[in-house]
Amino acid sequence: AARRGIDNSLPPELLEVVTKTAVRLEKVRALLDKP
């Protein structure tokens, strides 16, 4: 996106969704016990 000049800003209405995804990804990280 940066190289091609594509806007990849998150629409405000998706903040809740990506936050839930991040919470779920934290569970994956904890299970793997690695970054």
PDB file of all heavy atoms in Angstrom:
ATOM      1  N   ALA A   1       0.841  -1.203   0.000  1.00  0.00           N
ATOM      2  CA  ALA A   1       0.000   0.000   0.000  1.00  0.00           C
ATOM      3  C   ALA A   1       0.875   1.252   0.000  1.00  0.00           C
ATOM      4  O   ALA A   1       0.601   2.198  -0.750  1.00  0.00           O
ATOM      5  CB  ALA A   1      -0.921  -0.004   1.211  1.00  0.00           C
ATOM      6  N   ALA A   2       1.917   1.253   0.808  1.00  0.00           N
ATOM      7  CA  ALA A   2       2.809   2.416   0.870  1.00  0.00           C
ATOM      8  C   ALA A   2       3.503   2.647  -0.472  1.00  0.00           C
ATOM      9  O   ALA A   2       3.567   3.783  -0.965  1.00  0.00           O
ATOM     10  CB  ALA A   2       3.834   2.222   1.977  1.00  0.00           C
ATOM     11  N   ARG A   3       4.007   1.572  -1.083  1.00  0.00           N
ATOM     12  CA  ARG A   3       4.710   1.704  -2.375  1.00  0.00           C
ATOM     13  C   ARG A   3       3.791   2.167  -3.493  1.00  0.00           C
ATOM     14  O   ARG A   3       4.212   2.906  -4.370  1.00  0.00           O
ATOM     15  CB  ARG A   3       5.331   0.368  -2.768  1.00  0.00           C
ATOM     16  CG  ARG A   3       6.721   0.153  -2.201  1.00  0.00           C
ATOM     17  CD  ARG A   3       7.328  -1.070  -2.826  1.00  0.00           C
ATOM     18  NE  ARG A   3       6.548  -2.218  -2.387  1.00  0.00           N
ATOM     19  CZ  ARG A   3       7.053  -3.358  -1.962  1.00  0.00           C
ATOM     20  NH1 ARG A   3       8.326  -3.552  -1.972  1.00  0.00           N
ATOM     21  NH2 ARG A   3       6.295  -4.326  -1.551  1.00  0.00           N
ATOM     22  N   ARG A   4       2.545   1.691  -3.457  1.00  0.00           N
ATOM     23  CA  ARG A   4       1.622   2.009  -4.554  1.00  0.00           C
ATOM     24  C   ARG A   4       0.711   3.200  -4.257  1.00  0.00           C
ATOM     25  O   ARG A   4      -0.164   3.524  -5.056  1.00  0.00           O
ATOM     26  CB  ARG A   4       0.763   0.779  -4.875  1.00  0.00           C
ATOM     27  CG  ARG A   4       1.600  -0.380  -5.388  1.00  0.00           C
ATOM     28  CD  ARG A   4       0.728  -1.511  -5.845  1.00  0.00           C
ATOM     29  NE  ARG A   4       1.514  -2.670  -6.228  1.00  0.00           N
ATOM     30  CZ  ARG A   4       0.991  -3.790  -6.685  1.00  0.00           C
ATOM     31  NH1 ARG A   4      -0.317  -3.913  -6.813  1.00  0.00           N
ATOM     32  NH2 ARG A   4       1.766  -4.808  -7.006  1.00  0.00           N
ATOM     33  N   GLY A   5       0.884   3.805  -3.100  1.00  0.00           N
ATOM     34  CA  GLY A   5       0.071   4.968  -2.746  1.00  0.00           C
ATOM     35  C   GLY A   5      -1.389   4.624  -2.484  1.00  0.00           C
ATOM     36  O   GLY A   5      -2.281   5.434  -2.732  1.00  0.00           O
ATOM     37  N   ILE A   6      -1.640   3.426  -1.971  1.00  0.00           N
ATOM     38  CA  ILE A   6      -3.007   2.982  -1.667  1.00  0.00           C
ATOM     39  C   ILE A   6      -3.323   3.311  -0.212  1.00  0.00           C
ATOM     40  O   ILE A   6      -2.548   2.974   0.684  1.00  0.00           O
ATOM     41  CB  ILE A   6      -3.164   1.469  -1.922  1.00  0.00           C
ATOM     42  CG1 ILE A   6      -2.881   1.143  -3.394  1.00  0.00           C
ATOM     43  CG2 ILE A   6      -4.552   0.986  -1.504  1.00  0.00           C
ATOM     44  CD1 ILE A   6      -2.794  -0.357  -3.690  1.00  0.00           C
ATOM     45  N   ASP A   7      -4.438   3.963   0.003  1.00  0.00           N
ATOM     46  CA  ASP A   7      -4.865   4.286   1.369  1.00  0.00           C
ATOM     47  C   ASP A   7      -5.338   3.006   2.053  1.00  0.00           C
ATOM     48  O   ASP A   7      -6.250   2.338   1.574  1.00  0.00           O
ATOM     49  CB  ASP A   7      -5.996   5.316   1.332  1.00  0.00           C
ATOM     50  CG  ASP A   7      -6.479   5.712   2.723  1.00  0.00           C
ATOM     51  OD1 ASP A   7      -5.808   5.398   3.720  1.00  0.00           O
ATOM     52  OD2 ASP A   7      -7.554   6.353   2.801  1.00  0.00           O
ATOM     53  N   ASN A   8      -4.694   2.665   3.162  1.00  0.00           N
ATOM     54  CA  ASN A   8      -5.087   1.474   3.919  1.00  0.00           C
ATOM     55  C   ASN A   8      -5.512   1.850   5.332  1.00  0.00           C
ATOM     56  O   ASN A   8      -5.341   1.085   6.273  1.00  0.00           O
ATOM     57  CB  ASN A   8      -3.952   0.443   3.947  1.00  0.00           C
ATOM     58  CG  ASN A   8      -4.473  -0.948   4.287  1.00  0.00           C
ATOM     59  OD1 ASN A   8      -5.479  -1.387   3.742  1.00  0.00           O
ATOM     60  ND2 ASN A   8      -3.807  -1.625   5.197  1.00  0.00           N
ATOM     61  N   SER A   9      -6.082   3.040   5.464  1.00  0.00           N
ATOM     62  CA  SER A   9      -6.579   3.485   6.770  1.00  0.00           C
ATOM     63  C   SER A   9      -7.786   2.651   7.163  1.00  0.00           C
ATOM     64  O   SER A   9      -8.614   2.293   6.322  1.00  0.00           O
ATOM     65  CB  SER A   9      -7.001   4.953   6.710  1.00  0.00           C
ATOM     66  OG  SER A   9      -5.922   5.751   6.314  1.00  0.00           O
ATOM     67  N   LEU A  10      -7.877   2.379   8.453  1.00  0.00           N
ATOM     68  CA  LEU A  10      -8.990   1.580   8.960  1.00  0.00           C
ATOM     69  C   LEU A  10     -10.232   2.453   9.095  1.00  0.00           C
ATOM     70  O   LEU A  10     -10.194   3.493   9.767  1.00  0.00           O
ATOM     71  CB  LEU A  10      -8.632   0.993  10.327  1.00  0.00           C
ATOM     72  CG  LEU A  10      -9.683   0.057  10.925  1.00  0.00           C
ATOM     73  CD1 LEU A  10      -9.664  -1.283  10.191  1.00  0.00           C
ATOM     74  CD2 LEU A  10      -9.422  -0.146  12.405  1.00  0.00           C
ATOM     75  N   PRO A  11     -11.352   2.059   8.498  1.00  0.00           N
ATOM     76  CA  PRO A  11     -12.597   2.796   8.718  1.00  0.00           C
ATOM     77  C   PRO A  11     -12.992   2.692  10.198  1.00  0.00           C
ATOM     78  O   PRO A  11     -12.845   1.613  10.799  1.00  0.00           O
ATOM     79  CB  PRO A  11     -13.621   2.071   7.836  1.00  0.00           C
ATOM     80  CG  PRO A  11     -12.815   1.304   6.845  1.00  0.00           C
ATOM     81  CD  PRO A  11     -11.527   0.963   7.545  1.00  0.00           C
ATOM     82  N   PRO A  12     -13.457   3.774  10.810  1.00  0.00           N
ATOM     83  CA  PRO A  12     -13.795   3.761  12.242  1.00  0.00           C
ATOM     84  C   PRO A  12     -14.761   2.640  12.633  1.00  0.00           C
ATOM     85  O   PRO A  12     -14.648   2.088  13.722  1.00  0.00           O
ATOM     86  CB  PRO A  12     -14.425   5.128  12.480  1.00  0.00           C
ATOM     87  CG  PRO A  12     -13.927   5.986  11.368  1.00  0.00           C
ATOM     88  CD  PRO A  12     -13.679   5.079  10.202  1.00  0.00           C
ATOM     89  N   GLU A  13     -15.652   2.271  11.741  1.00  0.00           N
ATOM     90  CA  GLU A  13     -16.637   1.232  12.074  1.00  0.00           C
ATOM     91  C   GLU A  13     -16.009  -0.156  12.204  1.00  0.00           C
ATOM     92  O   GLU A  13     -16.653  -1.086  12.703  1.00  0.00           O
ATOM     93  CB  GLU A  13     -17.789   1.203  11.062  1.00  0.00           C
ATOM     94  CG  GLU A  13     -17.413   0.847   9.649  1.00  0.00           C
ATOM     95  CD  GLU A  13     -17.007   2.029   8.767  1.00  0.00           C
ATOM     96  OE1 GLU A  13     -16.740   3.132   9.288  1.00  0.00           O
ATOM     97  OE2 GLU A  13     -16.969   1.830   7.539  1.00  0.00           O
ATOM     98  N   LEU A  14     -14.749  -0.323  11.778  1.00  0.00           N
ATOM     99  CA  LEU A  14     -14.084  -1.624  11.896  1.00  0.00           C
ATOM    100  C   LEU A  14     -13.158  -1.712  13.113  1.00  0.00           C
ATOM    101  O   LEU A  14     -12.566  -2.769  13.362  1.00  0.00           O
ATOM    102  CB  LEU A  14     -13.290  -1.942  10.630  1.00  0.00           C
ATOM    103  CG  LEU A  14     -14.123  -2.253   9.384  1.00  0.00           C
ATOM    104  CD1 LEU A  14     -13.221  -2.607   8.213  1.00  0.00           C
ATOM    105  CD2 LEU A  14     -15.111  -3.374   9.653  1.00  0.00           C
ATOM    106  N   LEU A  15     -13.047  -0.635  13.890  1.00  0.00           N
ATOM    107  CA  LEU A  15     -12.157  -0.654  15.054  1.00  0.00           C
ATOM    108  C   LEU A  15     -12.551  -1.746  16.045  1.00  0.00           C
ATOM    109  O   LEU A  15     -11.690  -2.458  16.563  1.00  0.00           O
ATOM    110  CB  LEU A  15     -12.137   0.713  15.743  1.00  0.00           C
ATOM    111  CG  LEU A  15     -11.182   0.820  16.933  1.00  0.00           C
ATOM    112  CD1 LEU A  15      -9.745   0.508  16.521  1.00  0.00           C
ATOM    113  CD2 LEU A  15     -11.282   2.198  17.560  1.00  0.00           C
ATOM    114  N   GLU A  16     -13.840  -1.916  16.276  1.00  0.00           N
ATOM    115  CA  GLU A  16     -14.295  -2.954  17.208  1.00  0.00           C
ATOM    116  C   GLU A  16     -13.937  -4.349  16.687  1.00  0.00           C
ATOM    117  O   GLU A  16     -13.511  -5.215  17.449  1.00  0.00           O
ATOM    118  CB  GLU A  16     -15.800  -2.841  17.442  1.00  0.00           C
ATOM    119  CG  GLU A  16     -16.326  -3.828  18.455  1.00  0.00           C
ATOM    120  CD  GLU A  16     -17.825  -3.692  18.708  1.00  0.00           C
ATOM    121  OE1 GLU A  16     -18.415  -2.652  18.374  1.00  0.00           O
ATOM    122  OE2 GLU A  16     -18.394  -4.659  19.240  1.00  0.00           O
ATOM    123  N   VAL A  17     -14.093  -4.563  15.387  1.00  0.00           N
ATOM    124  CA  VAL A  17     -13.784  -5.869  14.792  1.00  0.00           C
ATOM    125  C   VAL A  17     -12.289  -6.178  14.912  1.00  0.00           C
ATOM    126  O   VAL A  17     -11.917  -7.265  15.346  1.00  0.00           O
ATOM    127  CB  VAL A  17     -14.224  -5.934  13.312  1.00  0.00           C
ATOM    128  CG1 VAL A  17     -13.745  -7.225  12.646  1.00  0.00           C
ATOM    129  CG2 VAL A  17     -15.735  -5.814  13.190  1.00  0.00           C
ATOM    130  N   VAL A  18     -11.421  -5.225  14.550  1.00  0.00           N
ATOM    131  CA  VAL A  18      -9.982  -5.516  14.610  1.00  0.00           C
ATOM    132  C   VAL A  18      -9.522  -5.671  16.057  1.00  0.00           C
ATOM    133  O   VAL A  18      -8.585  -6.430  16.328  1.00  0.00           O
ATOM    134  CB  VAL A  18      -9.112  -4.490  13.844  1.00  0.00           C
ATOM    135  CG1 VAL A  18      -9.451  -4.500  12.362  1.00  0.00           C
ATOM    136  CG2 VAL A  18      -9.185  -3.109  14.432  1.00  0.00           C
ATOM    137  N   THR A  19     -10.194  -4.995  16.982  1.00  0.00           N
ATOM    138  CA  THR A  19      -9.857  -5.171  18.395  1.00  0.00           C
ATOM    139  C   THR A  19     -10.218  -6.585  18.847  1.00  0.00           C
ATOM    140  O   THR A  19      -9.416  -7.246  19.531  1.00  0.00           O
ATOM    141  CB  THR A  19     -10.558  -4.114  19.268  1.00  0.00           C
ATOM    142  OG1 THR A  19     -10.143  -2.812  18.832  1.00  0.00           O
ATOM    143  CG2 THR A  19     -10.216  -4.286  20.736  1.00  0.00           C
ATOM    144  N   LYS A  20     -11.380  -7.091  18.432  1.00  0.00           N
ATOM    145  CA  LYS A  20     -11.756  -8.469  18.763  1.00  0.00           C
ATOM    146  C   LYS A  20     -10.788  -9.467  18.118  1.00  0.00           C
ATOM    147  O   LYS A  20     -10.428 -10.473  18.734  1.00  0.00           O
ATOM    148  CB  LYS A  20     -13.190  -8.762  18.296  1.00  0.00           C
ATOM    149  CG  LYS A  20     -14.245  -8.129  19.165  1.00  0.00           C
ATOM    150  CD  LYS A  20     -15.640  -8.455  18.656  1.00  0.00           C
ATOM    151  CE  LYS A  20     -16.695  -7.774  19.503  1.00  0.00           C
ATOM    152  NZ  LYS A  20     -18.048  -8.004  18.977  1.00  0.00           N
ATOM    153  N   THR A  21     -10.373  -9.173  16.902  1.00  0.00           N
ATOM    154  CA  THR A  21      -9.402 -10.036  16.234  1.00  0.00           C
ATOM    155  C   THR A  21      -8.086 -10.029  17.002  1.00  0.00           C
ATOM    156  O   THR A  21      -7.463 -11.078  17.201  1.00  0.00           O
ATOM    157  CB  THR A  21      -9.183  -9.587  14.768  1.00  0.00           C
ATOM    158  OG1 THR A  21     -10.447  -9.637  14.080  1.00  0.00           O
ATOM    159  CG2 THR A  21      -8.193 -10.481  14.048  1.00  0.00           C
ATOM    160  N   ALA A  22      -7.659  -8.862  17.469  1.00  0.00           N
ATOM    161  CA  ALA A  22      -6.421  -8.751  18.254  1.00  0.00           C
ATOM    162  C   ALA A  22      -6.522  -9.542  19.556  1.00  0.00           C
ATOM    163  O   ALA A  22      -5.567 -10.214  19.959  1.00  0.00           O
ATOM    164  CB  ALA A  22      -6.103  -7.286  18.540  1.00  0.00           C
ATOM    165  N   VAL A  23      -7.684  -9.489  20.209  1.00  0.00           N
ATOM    166  CA  VAL A  23      -7.884 -10.261  21.447  1.00  0.00           C
ATOM    167  C   VAL A  23      -7.754 -11.753  21.154  1.00  0.00           C
ATOM    168  O   VAL A  23      -7.107 -12.489  21.908  1.00  0.00           O
ATOM    169  CB  VAL A  23      -9.257  -9.921  22.085  1.00  0.00           C
ATOM    170  CG1 VAL A  23      -9.608 -10.900  23.192  1.00  0.00           C
ATOM    171  CG2 VAL A  23      -9.256  -8.482  22.607  1.00  0.00           C
ATOM    172  N   ARG A  24      -8.328 -12.190  20.057  1.00  0.00           N
ATOM    173  CA  ARG A  24      -8.238 -13.607  19.688  1.00  0.00           C
ATOM    174  C   ARG A  24      -6.809 -13.983  19.306  1.00  0.00           C
ATOM    175  O   ARG A  24      -6.336 -15.080  19.614  1.00  0.00           O
ATOM    176  CB  ARG A  24      -9.205 -13.905  18.550  1.00  0.00           C
ATOM    177  CG  ARG A  24     -10.654 -13.848  19.005  1.00  0.00           C
ATOM    178  CD  ARG A  24     -11.607 -13.856  17.847  1.00  0.00           C
ATOM    179  NE  ARG A  24     -12.955 -14.167  18.292  1.00  0.00           N
ATOM    180  CZ  ARG A  24     -14.045 -13.805  17.642  1.00  0.00           C
ATOM    181  NH1 ARG A  24     -13.946 -13.132  16.510  1.00  0.00           N
ATOM    182  NH2 ARG A  24     -15.233 -14.128  18.103  1.00  0.00           N
ATOM    183  N   LEU A  25      -6.107 -13.065  18.633  1.00  0.00           N
ATOM    184  CA  LEU A  25      -4.719 -13.321  18.262  1.00  0.00           C
ATOM    185  C   LEU A  25      -3.819 -13.388  19.497  1.00  0.00           C
ATOM    186  O   LEU A  25      -2.827 -14.119  19.501  1.00  0.00           O
ATOM    187  CB  LEU A  25      -4.238 -12.247  17.287  1.00  0.00           C
ATOM    188  CG  LEU A  25      -3.010 -12.597  16.452  1.00  0.00           C
ATOM    189  CD1 LEU A  25      -3.234 -13.841  15.608  1.00  0.00           C
ATOM    190  CD2 LEU A  25      -2.631 -11.413  15.573  1.00  0.00           C
ATOM    191  N   GLU A  26      -4.188 -12.663  20.537  1.00  0.00           N
ATOM    192  CA  GLU A  26      -3.446 -12.761  21.813  1.00  0.00           C
ATOM    193  C   GLU A  26      -3.512 -14.192  22.355  1.00  0.00           C
ATOM    194  O   GLU A  26      -2.535 -14.690  22.909  1.00  0.00           O
ATOM    195  CB  GLU A  26      -4.006 -11.795  22.859  1.00  0.00           C
ATOM    196  CG  GLU A  26      -3.641 -10.356  22.651  1.00  0.00           C
ATOM    197  CD  GLU A  26      -2.207  -9.992  23.016  1.00  0.00           C
ATOM    198  OE1 GLU A  26      -1.442 -10.855  23.500  1.00  0.00           O
ATOM    199  OE2 GLU A  26      -1.849  -8.828  22.795  1.00  0.00           O
ATOM    200  N   LYS A  27      -4.650 -14.861  22.166  1.00  0.00           N
ATOM    201  CA  LYS A  27      -4.777 -16.253  22.615  1.00  0.00           C
ATOM    202  C   LYS A  27      -3.836 -17.162  21.828  1.00  0.00           C
ATOM    203  O   LYS A  27      -3.237 -18.081  22.387  1.00  0.00           O
ATOM    204  CB  LYS A  27      -6.221 -16.736  22.474  1.00  0.00           C
ATOM    205  CG  LYS A  27      -7.178 -16.078  23.442  1.00  0.00           C
ATOM    206  CD  LYS A  27      -8.586 -16.594  23.244  1.00  0.00           C
ATOM    207  CE  LYS A  27      -9.549 -15.906  24.197  1.00  0.00           C
ATOM    208  NZ  LYS A  27     -10.926 -16.347  24.013  1.00  0.00           N
ATOM    209  N   VAL A  28      -3.704 -16.893  20.512  1.00  0.00           N
ATOM    210  CA  VAL A  28      -2.774 -17.668  19.684  1.00  0.00           C
ATOM    211  C   VAL A  28      -1.352 -17.425  20.171  1.00  0.00           C
ATOM    212  O   VAL A  28      -0.576 -18.365  20.352  1.00  0.00           O
ATOM    213  CB  VAL A  28      -2.920 -17.291  18.189  1.00  0.00           C
ATOM    214  CG1 VAL A  28      -1.838 -17.958  17.348  1.00  0.00           C
ATOM    215  CG2 VAL A  28      -4.304 -17.656  17.678  1.00  0.00           C
ATOM    216  N   ARG A  29      -1.018 -16.167  20.416  1.00  0.00           N
ATOM    217  CA  ARG A  29       0.325 -15.814  20.887  1.00  0.00           C
ATOM    218  C   ARG A  29       0.630 -16.494  22.221  1.00  0.00           C
ATOM    219  O   ARG A  29       1.720 -17.037  22.417  1.00  0.00           O
ATOM    220  CB  ARG A  29       0.449 -14.295  21.035  1.00  0.00           C
ATOM    221  CG  ARG A  29       1.855 -13.828  21.351  1.00  0.00           C
ATOM    222  CD  ARG A  29       1.857 -12.320  21.653  1.00  0.00           C
ATOM    223  NE  ARG A  29       3.202 -11.784  21.706  1.00  0.00           N
ATOM    224  CZ  ARG A  29       4.044 -11.930  22.720  1.00  0.00           C
ATOM    225  NH1 ARG A  29       3.679 -12.636  23.787  1.00  0.00           N
ATOM    226  NH2 ARG A  29       5.246 -11.392  22.678  1.00  0.00           N
ATOM    227  N   ALA A  30      -0.339 -16.481  23.126  1.00  0.00           N
ATOM    228  CA  ALA A  30      -0.142 -17.113  24.439  1.00  0.00           C
ATOM    229  C   ALA A  30       0.056 -18.619  24.289  1.00  0.00           C
ATOM    230  O   ALA A  30       0.900 -19.210  24.967  1.00  0.00           O
ATOM    231  CB  ALA A  30      -1.328 -16.813  25.351  1.00  0.00           C
ATOM    232  N   LEU A  31      -0.697 -19.229  23.403  1.00  0.00           N
ATOM    233  CA  LEU A  31      -0.583 -20.663  23.187  1.00  0.00           C
ATOM    234  C   LEU A  31       0.782 -21.027  22.585  1.00  0.00           C
ATOM    235  O   LEU A  31       1.416 -21.991  23.002  1.00  0.00           O
ATOM    236  CB  LEU A  31      -1.713 -21.132  22.269  1.00  0.00           C
ATOM    237  CG  LEU A  31      -2.016 -22.603  22.221  1.00  0.00           C
ATOM    238  CD1 LEU A  31      -2.364 -23.157  23.585  1.00  0.00           C
ATOM    239  CD2 LEU A  31      -3.180 -22.846  21.263  1.00  0.00           C
ATOM    240  N   LEU A  32       1.226 -20.227  21.618  1.00  0.00           N
ATOM    241  CA  LEU A  32       2.528 -20.463  21.004  1.00  0.00           C
ATOM    242  C   LEU A  32       3.660 -20.068  21.964  1.00  0.00           C
ATOM    243  O   LEU A  32       4.783 -20.543  21.828  1.00  0.00           O
ATOM    244  CB  LEU A  32       2.669 -19.678  19.698  1.00  0.00           C
ATOM    245  CG  LEU A  32       1.719 -20.068  18.556  1.00  0.00           C
ATOM    246  CD1 LEU A  32       1.874 -19.115  17.385  1.00  0.00           C
ATOM    247  CD2 LEU A  32       1.933 -21.508  18.124  1.00  0.00           C
ATOM    248  N   ASP A  33       3.348 -19.183  22.881  1.00  0.00           N
ATOM    249  CA  ASP A  33       4.305 -18.688  23.879  1.00  0.00           C
ATOM    250  C   ASP A  33       5.516 -18.019  23.236  1.00  0.00           C
ATOM    251  O   ASP A  33       6.637 -18.106  23.731  1.00  0.00           O
ATOM    252  CB  ASP A  33       4.748 -19.824  24.818  1.00  0.00           C
ATOM    253  CG  ASP A  33       5.410 -19.299  26.087  1.00  0.00           C
ATOM    254  OD1 ASP A  33       5.097 -18.168  26.506  1.00  0.00           O
ATOM    255  OD2 ASP A  33       6.266 -20.020  26.628  1.00  0.00           O
ATOM    256  N   LYS A  34       5.273 -17.369  22.102  1.00  0.00           N
ATOM    257  CA  LYS A  34       6.325 -16.672  21.350  1.00  0.00           C
ATOM    258  C   LYS A  34       5.697 -15.462  20.657  1.00  0.00           C
ATOM    259  O   LYS A  34       4.499 -15.444  20.386  1.00  0.00           O
ATOM    260  CB  LYS A  34       6.936 -17.574  20.266  1.00  0.00           C
ATOM    261  CG  LYS A  34       7.511 -18.872  20.756  1.00  0.00           C
ATOM    262  CD  LYS A  34       8.811 -18.671  21.480  1.00  0.00           C
ATOM    263  CE  LYS A  34       9.381 -20.025  21.903  1.00  0.00           C
ATOM    264  NZ  LYS A  34      10.387 -19.926  22.905  1.00  0.00           N
ATOM    265  N   PRO A  35       6.513 -14.459  20.309  1.00  0.00           N
ATOM    266  CA  PRO A  35       5.982 -13.298  19.569  1.00  0.00           C
ATOM    267  C   PRO A  35       5.474 -13.688  18.187  1.00  0.00           C
ATOM    268  O   PRO A  35       6.060 -14.528  17.509  1.00  0.00           O
ATOM    269  CB  PRO A  35       7.185 -12.361  19.454  1.00  0.00           C
ATOM    270  CG  PRO A  35       8.135 -12.813  20.501  1.00  0.00           C
ATOM    271  CD  PRO A  35       7.906 -14.285  20.677  1.00  0.00           C
TER     272      PRO A  35
END
